[in-house]
Structure formats: structure tokens, C-alpha cells
């Protein structure tokens, strides 16, 4: 061995010894303490292992699948599509489709374009009045998460930009006031009269008082809940009151466009307890049971409209 090599080895050993002394911290042996003997032979505490050379080995989680796509999905409707089938195909809630496509009308037509979120949430087009703070408040999202998910800076938030805002299904979206829209059952619809008996379901019926619809001579466009006159009615989901007062066959009714763009109709009421434009939280009182309009007894007609067409609320409402 040459003199130069011996010097280098000696220098390296002295450097290591100095490094070791400088950073050594005396620790009293106790539960969980790794002793020198154990370290020399290899040991582990929890998910941390020590190799024979005292190297700390901590397992690293390596993804086995690709990260989810973060871009809005542009989907073109094909013959036979429905909101339910599209939601199932993309594994997103049906309400997220209506939420991402304001003004959506049904039935869907082949060739129609839809915006879909790649994760539970909403696709939005930024308006001039929008800011990072107002968007975060409206959708119950963290501002930095909105920027990070869309890989943009705050300065790039311009009118006309299309963004995906992931929304936690536990708290759900917020009202314009900043409070949670659905604090009782996020992502679901409450029964507007808890415990009420359903006396007529959605769909074709032999009941001659029901008007014709969808090719049927008589069709019931919602569900009827039996309740005594004056029983309080609560909002099935939070949103904004878009109509209140008399309306033909519905009698005195309240309409709420919820945070997902669905329209809830509460009909045959005796009295309303809200005003047009008022933000309403899920579970808040909207009026009282009556028998106005086309009604033969005290009850509530609850109707859910998607894209301007009545749809069966029972699969999504907790009655």
C-alpha cells in the first residue's frame, strides 16, 4: 500500500471520528432504544430499520398507479346516455354533472357536449366578479388547493378560465353566505317531513286527477307525503329560493335551486316561510303543509327537477 493511500485512509477515519463525536447524543437505554449490538446486527423500531452499518432505512411509498387526471373532461353524449349512466361510467355523483353544466336541459341528446369533473367536485368557468377567495368560499375549498389542483398561480385566475374545483363530499359546497349548504346530510337530500308516510310515488298512475305527461295519460311528477295541516316542511338540500307563492296546480309552493343546480319543489302548502332570493340551508323551515291547488287533502307534494324535467326523488332523498 502506498504512502498516499495510507494518508487518505487515515484522514477519512479521523474525519468520520470527528463527525461521529460532533453529532453523538447520549441517550439512556430504555424502551425503544436501539443498542449498539442490535444496530450492528440490524434492528427495527416501528417502520424504521437500521442496517448493519447503522444506516437508517425507512420504507418509501411508491405509487403503483398513475395520478388522477386533473383536466376537465369534455364528454359528448351518445344515443342512450342518461345522467345516471354517465355518472356511473365516470364514477362521479350525478349531481356533480348538473353542477358543472349550468342550464342543463333534459332529455340528453346525442352529440350534446358536457363538462365533467375528473374527481368529485365541479367544473367552473371563471367570471369577472370571481376571485380566489370568493371561489374558495362558495365551494368550501382551500384556496391553495384550487391553485395547486389546476397548476396555476393566483395571477392566472382570469375571466373565461375553466377550472376544476375538487369538493370534499363530507362538508359539501357552501351557500353564498359562506355557511355549508348541507350540514345535516352532505351530498344527500333530506326527507322534507321526517317520518312522513309516502302515499303516492313518482311515475305513471291510474289516479285520474293527475295530468298527462311523457306519453302517459296520468303521471305523478313527484312523491306525496302524508302530514297534518300546518306541519313544518324543511329544505331537502341547501340552495337559493327561486320561487315562492301560488302556482296553478301546485297551489302555494316554494322552489329551491340547490347548490348542485337541481330544483326542489314543495307544493300544496298552506303558507310559505321564505322569500325569493333567500339562501336556505338544508333542514331550514321553508313553509307549512296545506291542501292548496290540485289537492284533495292535507299533504306535501315534493318534486325534484333535473334539467327542467321531473325525476324520481326517492333514490336520492331519505324518505
Protein backbone atom coordinates (compact mmCIF):
# COMPACT_ATOMS: atom_id res chain seq x y z
CA UNK A 1 0.00 0.00 0.00
CA UNK A 2 1.46 3.34 -0.99
CA UNK A 3 2.09 6.15 1.46
CA UNK A 4 -0.55 8.36 -0.27
CA UNK A 5 -3.26 5.75 0.16
CA UNK A 6 -2.45 5.26 3.83
CA UNK A 7 -2.68 9.00 4.41
CA UNK A 8 -6.06 9.18 2.68
CA UNK A 9 -7.44 6.30 4.74
CA UNK A 10 -6.16 7.82 7.96
CA UNK A 11 -7.62 11.19 7.02
CA UNK A 12 -11.00 9.65 6.22
CA UNK A 13 -11.08 7.76 9.53
CA UNK A 14 -10.20 10.85 11.51
CA UNK A 15 -12.90 12.82 9.68
CA UNK A 16 -15.51 10.15 10.40
CA UNK A 17 -14.49 10.03 14.07
CA UNK A 18 -14.79 13.80 14.37
CA UNK A 19 -18.17 13.75 12.62
CA UNK A 20 -19.35 10.95 14.88
CA UNK A 21 -18.26 12.72 18.06
CA UNK A 22 -19.71 16.03 16.99
CA UNK A 23 -23.24 14.68 16.47
CA UNK A 24 -23.38 11.92 19.10
CA UNK A 25 -26.13 12.45 21.71
CA UNK A 26 -26.05 10.37 24.91
CA UNK A 27 -29.32 8.55 25.44
CA UNK A 28 -30.21 6.48 28.47
CA UNK A 29 -31.18 2.95 27.49
CA UNK A 30 -34.87 2.38 27.77
CA UNK A 31 -37.88 1.02 25.88
CA UNK A 32 -37.42 1.51 22.16
CA UNK A 33 -33.70 2.39 22.45
CA UNK A 34 -31.55 0.78 19.78
CA UNK A 35 -28.37 -0.60 21.35
CA UNK A 36 -25.07 -0.81 19.54
CA UNK A 37 -25.19 -4.58 19.43
CA UNK A 38 -28.63 -4.53 17.86
CA UNK A 39 -27.53 -1.91 15.37
CA UNK A 40 -24.53 -3.99 14.34
CA UNK A 41 -26.78 -6.94 13.63
CA UNK A 42 -29.64 -4.90 12.15
CA UNK A 43 -32.76 -3.91 14.11
CA UNK A 44 -36.10 -2.16 13.61
CA UNK A 45 -38.47 0.09 15.53
CA UNK A 46 -41.89 0.60 14.02
CA UNK A 47 -41.42 1.19 10.29
CA UNK A 48 -37.77 2.34 10.67
CA UNK A 49 -34.93 -0.19 10.24
CA UNK A 50 -31.22 0.04 10.99
CA UNK A 51 -28.83 -1.72 8.68
CA UNK A 52 -25.58 -3.39 9.80
CA UNK A 53 -23.71 -0.17 9.05
CA UNK A 54 -26.16 1.88 11.20
CA UNK A 55 -27.80 3.30 8.08
CA UNK A 56 -31.38 4.39 8.78
CA UNK A 57 -33.74 2.65 6.38
CA UNK A 58 -37.30 4.00 6.19
CA UNK A 59 -39.73 2.50 3.67
CA UNK A 60 -40.94 4.86 0.97
CA UNK A 61 -44.42 4.52 -0.52
CA UNK A 62 -44.19 4.26 -4.28
CA UNK A 63 -47.43 4.77 -6.29
CA UNK A 64 -48.43 1.68 -8.22
CA UNK A 65 -50.88 3.57 -10.47
CA UNK A 66 -50.86 6.89 -12.27
CA UNK A 67 -52.08 10.07 -10.62
CA UNK A 68 -55.67 11.01 -11.49
CA UNK A 69 -56.22 13.26 -14.46
CA UNK A 70 -56.76 16.83 -13.33
CA UNK A 71 -58.19 18.28 -16.52
CA UNK A 72 -61.92 18.83 -17.09
CA UNK A 73 -63.44 16.01 -19.10
CA UNK A 74 -65.16 17.05 -22.33
CA UNK A 75 -67.80 14.40 -22.95
CA UNK A 76 -70.02 14.10 -25.99
CA UNK A 77 -73.37 12.42 -25.36
CA UNK A 78 -74.16 9.27 -27.36
CA UNK A 79 -77.52 7.69 -28.03
CA UNK A 80 -78.95 6.05 -24.93
CA UNK A 81 -76.95 8.11 -22.42
CA UNK A 82 -78.56 9.33 -19.21
CA UNK A 83 -77.17 11.33 -16.32
CA UNK A 84 -77.19 8.17 -14.24
CA UNK A 85 -75.26 6.10 -16.81
CA UNK A 86 -72.67 8.85 -17.35
CA UNK A 87 -72.19 9.28 -13.60
CA UNK A 88 -71.69 5.53 -13.24
CA UNK A 89 -69.25 5.35 -16.15
CA UNK A 90 -67.04 8.14 -14.76
CA UNK A 91 -67.56 7.24 -11.07
CA UNK A 92 -68.78 10.71 -10.09
CA UNK A 93 -72.04 11.78 -8.40
CA UNK A 94 -74.89 12.64 -10.76
CA UNK A 95 -75.31 15.98 -9.01
CA UNK A 96 -71.74 16.91 -9.99
CA UNK A 97 -72.78 16.69 -13.64
CA UNK A 98 -75.67 19.12 -13.20
CA UNK A 99 -73.41 21.32 -11.07
CA UNK A 100 -70.78 21.51 -13.80
CA UNK A 101 -73.29 22.28 -16.57
CA UNK A 102 -75.48 25.23 -15.51
CA UNK A 103 -78.65 25.49 -17.56
CA UNK A 104 -78.54 21.80 -18.49
CA UNK A 105 -81.79 20.63 -20.05
CA UNK A 106 -83.14 17.12 -20.35
CA UNK A 107 -83.53 14.79 -22.11
CA UNK A 108 -79.93 14.50 -23.22
CA UNK A 109 -79.44 14.45 -26.98
CA UNK A 110 -76.78 12.65 -29.00
CA UNK A 111 -73.88 14.99 -29.78
CA UNK A 112 -74.57 17.24 -26.78
CA UNK A 113 -71.38 18.40 -25.01
CA UNK A 114 -70.99 18.08 -21.25
CA UNK A 115 -68.24 19.18 -18.88
CA UNK A 116 -67.38 16.56 -16.27
CA UNK A 117 -65.05 16.83 -13.27
CA UNK A 118 -62.30 14.16 -13.16
CA UNK A 119 -62.83 13.87 -9.38
CA UNK A 120 -65.86 14.60 -7.16
CA UNK A 121 -66.34 18.34 -7.50
CA UNK A 122 -67.31 20.89 -10.10
CA UNK A 123 -66.06 22.33 -13.38
CA UNK A 124 -66.48 26.11 -13.50
CA UNK A 125 -65.89 28.94 -15.93
CA UNK A 126 -64.35 31.87 -14.05
CA UNK A 127 -66.42 35.08 -14.17
CA UNK A 128 -65.13 38.66 -13.99
CA UNK A 129 -66.52 39.01 -10.48
CA UNK A 130 -64.77 35.87 -9.23
CA UNK A 131 -61.67 35.90 -7.08
CA UNK A 132 -59.70 33.11 -5.47
CA UNK A 133 -61.27 33.96 -2.12
CA UNK A 134 -64.88 34.05 -3.38
CA UNK A 135 -64.46 30.74 -5.22
CA UNK A 136 -62.96 29.11 -2.15
CA UNK A 137 -65.83 30.39 -0.01
CA UNK A 138 -68.54 29.33 -2.47
CA UNK A 139 -67.26 25.78 -2.92
CA UNK A 140 -65.93 25.19 0.57
CA UNK A 141 -62.44 24.63 -0.81
CA UNK A 142 -58.98 25.71 0.28
CA UNK A 143 -57.57 28.50 -1.97
CA UNK A 144 -54.16 26.85 -2.26
CA UNK A 145 -55.83 23.56 -3.21
CA UNK A 146 -57.69 25.28 -6.07
CA UNK A 147 -54.43 26.72 -7.41
CA UNK A 148 -52.47 23.54 -6.87
CA UNK A 149 -55.01 21.20 -8.44
CA UNK A 150 -55.16 23.38 -11.57
CA UNK A 151 -51.41 24.10 -11.60
CA UNK A 152 -51.89 27.86 -11.79
CA UNK A 153 -50.91 30.95 -9.85
CA UNK A 154 -53.38 33.45 -8.44
CA UNK A 155 -52.41 35.93 -11.17
CA UNK A 156 -53.56 33.42 -13.81
CA UNK A 157 -57.13 33.35 -12.49
CA UNK A 158 -58.78 35.24 -15.35
CA UNK A 159 -62.34 35.50 -16.65
CA UNK A 160 -63.15 32.66 -19.03
CA UNK A 161 -60.69 30.23 -17.45
CA UNK A 162 -62.05 26.72 -16.97
CA UNK A 163 -61.14 25.20 -13.60
CA UNK A 164 -61.80 22.00 -11.72
CA UNK A 165 -62.61 22.54 -8.04
CA UNK A 166 -62.49 19.31 -6.04
CA UNK A 167 -65.11 19.39 -3.30
CA UNK A 168 -64.96 17.25 -0.20
CA UNK A 169 -68.16 15.22 -0.13
CA UNK A 170 -68.22 15.37 3.68
CA UNK A 171 -68.76 19.14 4.12
CA UNK A 172 -70.02 19.68 0.55
CA UNK A 173 -70.46 23.11 -1.06
CA UNK A 174 -71.27 26.38 0.69
CA UNK A 175 -74.07 28.89 0.26
CA UNK A 176 -73.33 32.42 -0.92
CA UNK A 177 -73.16 33.39 2.76
CA UNK A 178 -70.21 31.07 3.27
CA UNK A 179 -72.01 28.55 5.51
CA UNK A 180 -72.27 24.86 4.49
CA UNK A 181 -75.28 24.25 2.24
CA UNK A 182 -75.96 20.74 3.51
CA UNK A 183 -74.77 20.50 7.13
CA UNK A 184 -77.06 17.62 8.08
CA UNK A 185 -76.58 15.16 5.21
CA UNK A 186 -73.80 16.39 2.87
CA UNK A 187 -74.23 15.10 -0.66
CA UNK A 188 -77.71 13.78 0.10
CA UNK A 189 -81.29 15.03 0.21
CA UNK A 190 -83.21 15.10 3.48
CA UNK A 191 -86.81 13.99 3.73
CA UNK A 192 -88.68 17.33 3.96
CA UNK A 193 -91.06 15.84 6.59
CA UNK A 194 -89.04 13.30 8.58
CA UNK A 195 -91.01 10.14 9.29
CA UNK A 196 -93.90 11.03 6.97
CA UNK A 197 -95.67 8.23 5.14
CA UNK A 198 -95.42 8.15 1.34
CA UNK A 199 -98.95 7.92 -0.04
CA UNK A 200 -98.16 8.30 -3.75
CA UNK A 201 -94.95 7.61 -5.61
CA UNK A 202 -93.38 9.02 -8.76
CA UNK A 203 -94.45 7.76 -12.18
CA UNK A 204 -97.49 6.66 -14.22
CA UNK A 205 -100.67 6.33 -12.19
CA UNK A 206 -104.32 5.43 -12.52
CA UNK A 207 -105.28 8.40 -10.36
CA UNK A 208 -107.44 10.42 -12.75
CA UNK A 209 -106.64 13.80 -11.17
CA UNK A 210 -103.01 13.62 -12.25
CA UNK A 211 -102.27 15.36 -15.58
CA UNK A 212 -100.77 13.63 -18.60
CA UNK A 213 -97.01 13.66 -19.06
CA UNK A 214 -94.35 11.85 -21.07
CA UNK A 215 -96.87 9.97 -23.16
CA UNK A 216 -98.84 8.73 -20.15
CA UNK A 217 -102.48 9.66 -19.63
CA UNK A 218 -101.87 10.27 -15.92
CA UNK A 219 -98.44 10.79 -14.41
CA UNK A 220 -97.38 11.78 -10.89
CA UNK A 221 -94.33 14.04 -11.11
CA UNK A 222 -93.14 13.73 -7.51
CA UNK A 223 -93.85 11.95 -4.25
CA UNK A 224 -96.71 12.75 -1.86
CA UNK A 225 -96.04 12.75 1.87
CA UNK A 226 -98.98 12.47 4.27
CA UNK A 227 -98.93 15.06 7.05
CA UNK A 228 -101.36 17.11 9.09
CA UNK A 229 -102.29 20.64 8.09
CA UNK A 230 -99.67 23.11 9.34
CA UNK A 231 -96.84 20.59 9.71
CA UNK A 232 -93.47 22.32 9.14
CA UNK A 233 -91.62 21.49 5.90
CA UNK A 234 -87.81 21.66 5.82
CA UNK A 235 -85.43 22.12 2.92
CA UNK A 236 -84.25 18.84 1.49
CA UNK A 237 -80.99 20.46 0.35
CA UNK A 238 -79.49 23.91 0.73
CA UNK A 239 -79.63 26.48 -2.05
CA UNK A 240 -81.45 29.63 -3.11
CA UNK A 241 -85.21 30.23 -3.16
CA UNK A 242 -86.10 30.78 -6.82
CA UNK A 243 -89.91 30.90 -6.47
CA UNK A 244 -92.47 31.23 -3.69
CA UNK A 245 -96.25 31.67 -3.76
CA UNK A 246 -99.29 30.45 -5.77
CA UNK A 247 -98.66 28.47 -8.97
CA UNK A 248 -101.69 26.82 -10.58
CA UNK A 249 -102.00 23.08 -9.88
CA UNK A 250 -99.20 23.24 -7.33
CA UNK A 251 -101.14 25.74 -5.23
CA UNK A 252 -98.87 27.61 -2.85
CA UNK A 253 -95.39 26.31 -3.46
CA UNK A 254 -91.70 27.00 -2.84
CA UNK A 255 -88.95 26.24 -5.33
CA UNK A 256 -85.33 25.96 -4.24
CA UNK A 257 -82.48 25.64 -6.69
CA UNK A 258 -79.96 23.75 -4.63
CA UNK A 259 -76.20 24.12 -4.68
CA UNK A 260 -75.91 21.40 -7.34
CA UNK A 261 -78.36 23.05 -9.76
CA UNK A 262 -81.30 20.74 -9.02
CA UNK A 263 -84.74 22.27 -8.41
CA UNK A 264 -86.74 21.16 -5.38
CA UNK A 265 -90.48 21.93 -5.41
CA UNK A 266 -92.64 21.89 -2.28
CA UNK A 267 -96.30 22.12 -3.32
CA UNK A 268 -99.86 22.39 -1.90
CA UNK A 269 -98.54 24.39 1.06
CA UNK A 270 -100.72 26.44 3.38
CA UNK A 271 -98.07 29.10 3.93
CA UNK A 272 -94.51 29.87 2.85
CA UNK A 273 -91.78 30.83 5.31
CA UNK A 274 -89.15 32.09 2.86
CA UNK A 275 -88.70 34.77 0.20
CA UNK A 276 -87.34 34.67 -3.36
CA UNK A 277 -83.58 35.14 -3.42
CA UNK A 278 -83.11 33.95 0.15
CA UNK A 279 -80.27 31.48 0.78
CA UNK A 280 -81.58 28.36 2.52
CA UNK A 281 -79.65 25.77 4.48
CA UNK A 282 -80.56 22.10 4.43
CA UNK A 283 -83.06 21.42 7.23
CA UNK A 284 -84.26 25.03 7.45
CA UNK A 285 -88.03 25.60 7.51
CA UNK A 286 -89.48 26.64 4.13
CA UNK A 287 -93.23 26.53 4.86
CA UNK A 288 -96.16 24.52 6.19
CA UNK A 289 -98.29 21.65 4.89
CA UNK A 290 -101.63 22.56 3.34
CA UNK A 291 -104.06 21.47 0.64
CA UNK A 292 -103.94 24.25 -1.96
CA UNK A 293 -104.05 23.79 -5.73
CA UNK A 294 -104.98 20.39 -7.17
CA UNK A 295 -105.25 18.58 -3.86
CA UNK A 296 -107.93 16.51 -2.13
CA UNK A 297 -106.40 16.51 1.34
CA UNK A 298 -103.61 17.78 3.53
CA UNK A 299 -100.22 16.56 2.24
CA UNK A 300 -96.92 17.66 0.72
CA UNK A 301 -96.08 17.11 -2.93
CA UNK A 302 -92.28 17.01 -3.18
CA UNK A 303 -90.85 17.21 -6.68
CA UNK A 304 -87.26 17.14 -7.89
CA UNK A 305 -86.40 18.55 -11.31
CA UNK A 306 -83.17 17.88 -13.17
CA UNK A 307 -82.59 19.96 -16.27
CA UNK A 308 -86.20 21.15 -16.27
CA UNK A 309 -87.71 17.67 -16.12
CA UNK A 310 -89.21 15.93 -13.08
CA UNK A 311 -87.24 12.93 -11.84
CA UNK A 312 -87.89 10.37 -9.13
CA UNK A 313 -86.52 11.81 -5.87
CA UNK A 314 -86.78 8.58 -3.85
CA UNK A 315 -83.38 7.15 -4.89
CA UNK A 316 -81.67 10.26 -3.51
CA UNK A 317 -83.99 11.52 -0.78
CA UNK A 318 -84.10 9.95 2.66
CA UNK A 319 -87.85 9.34 2.92
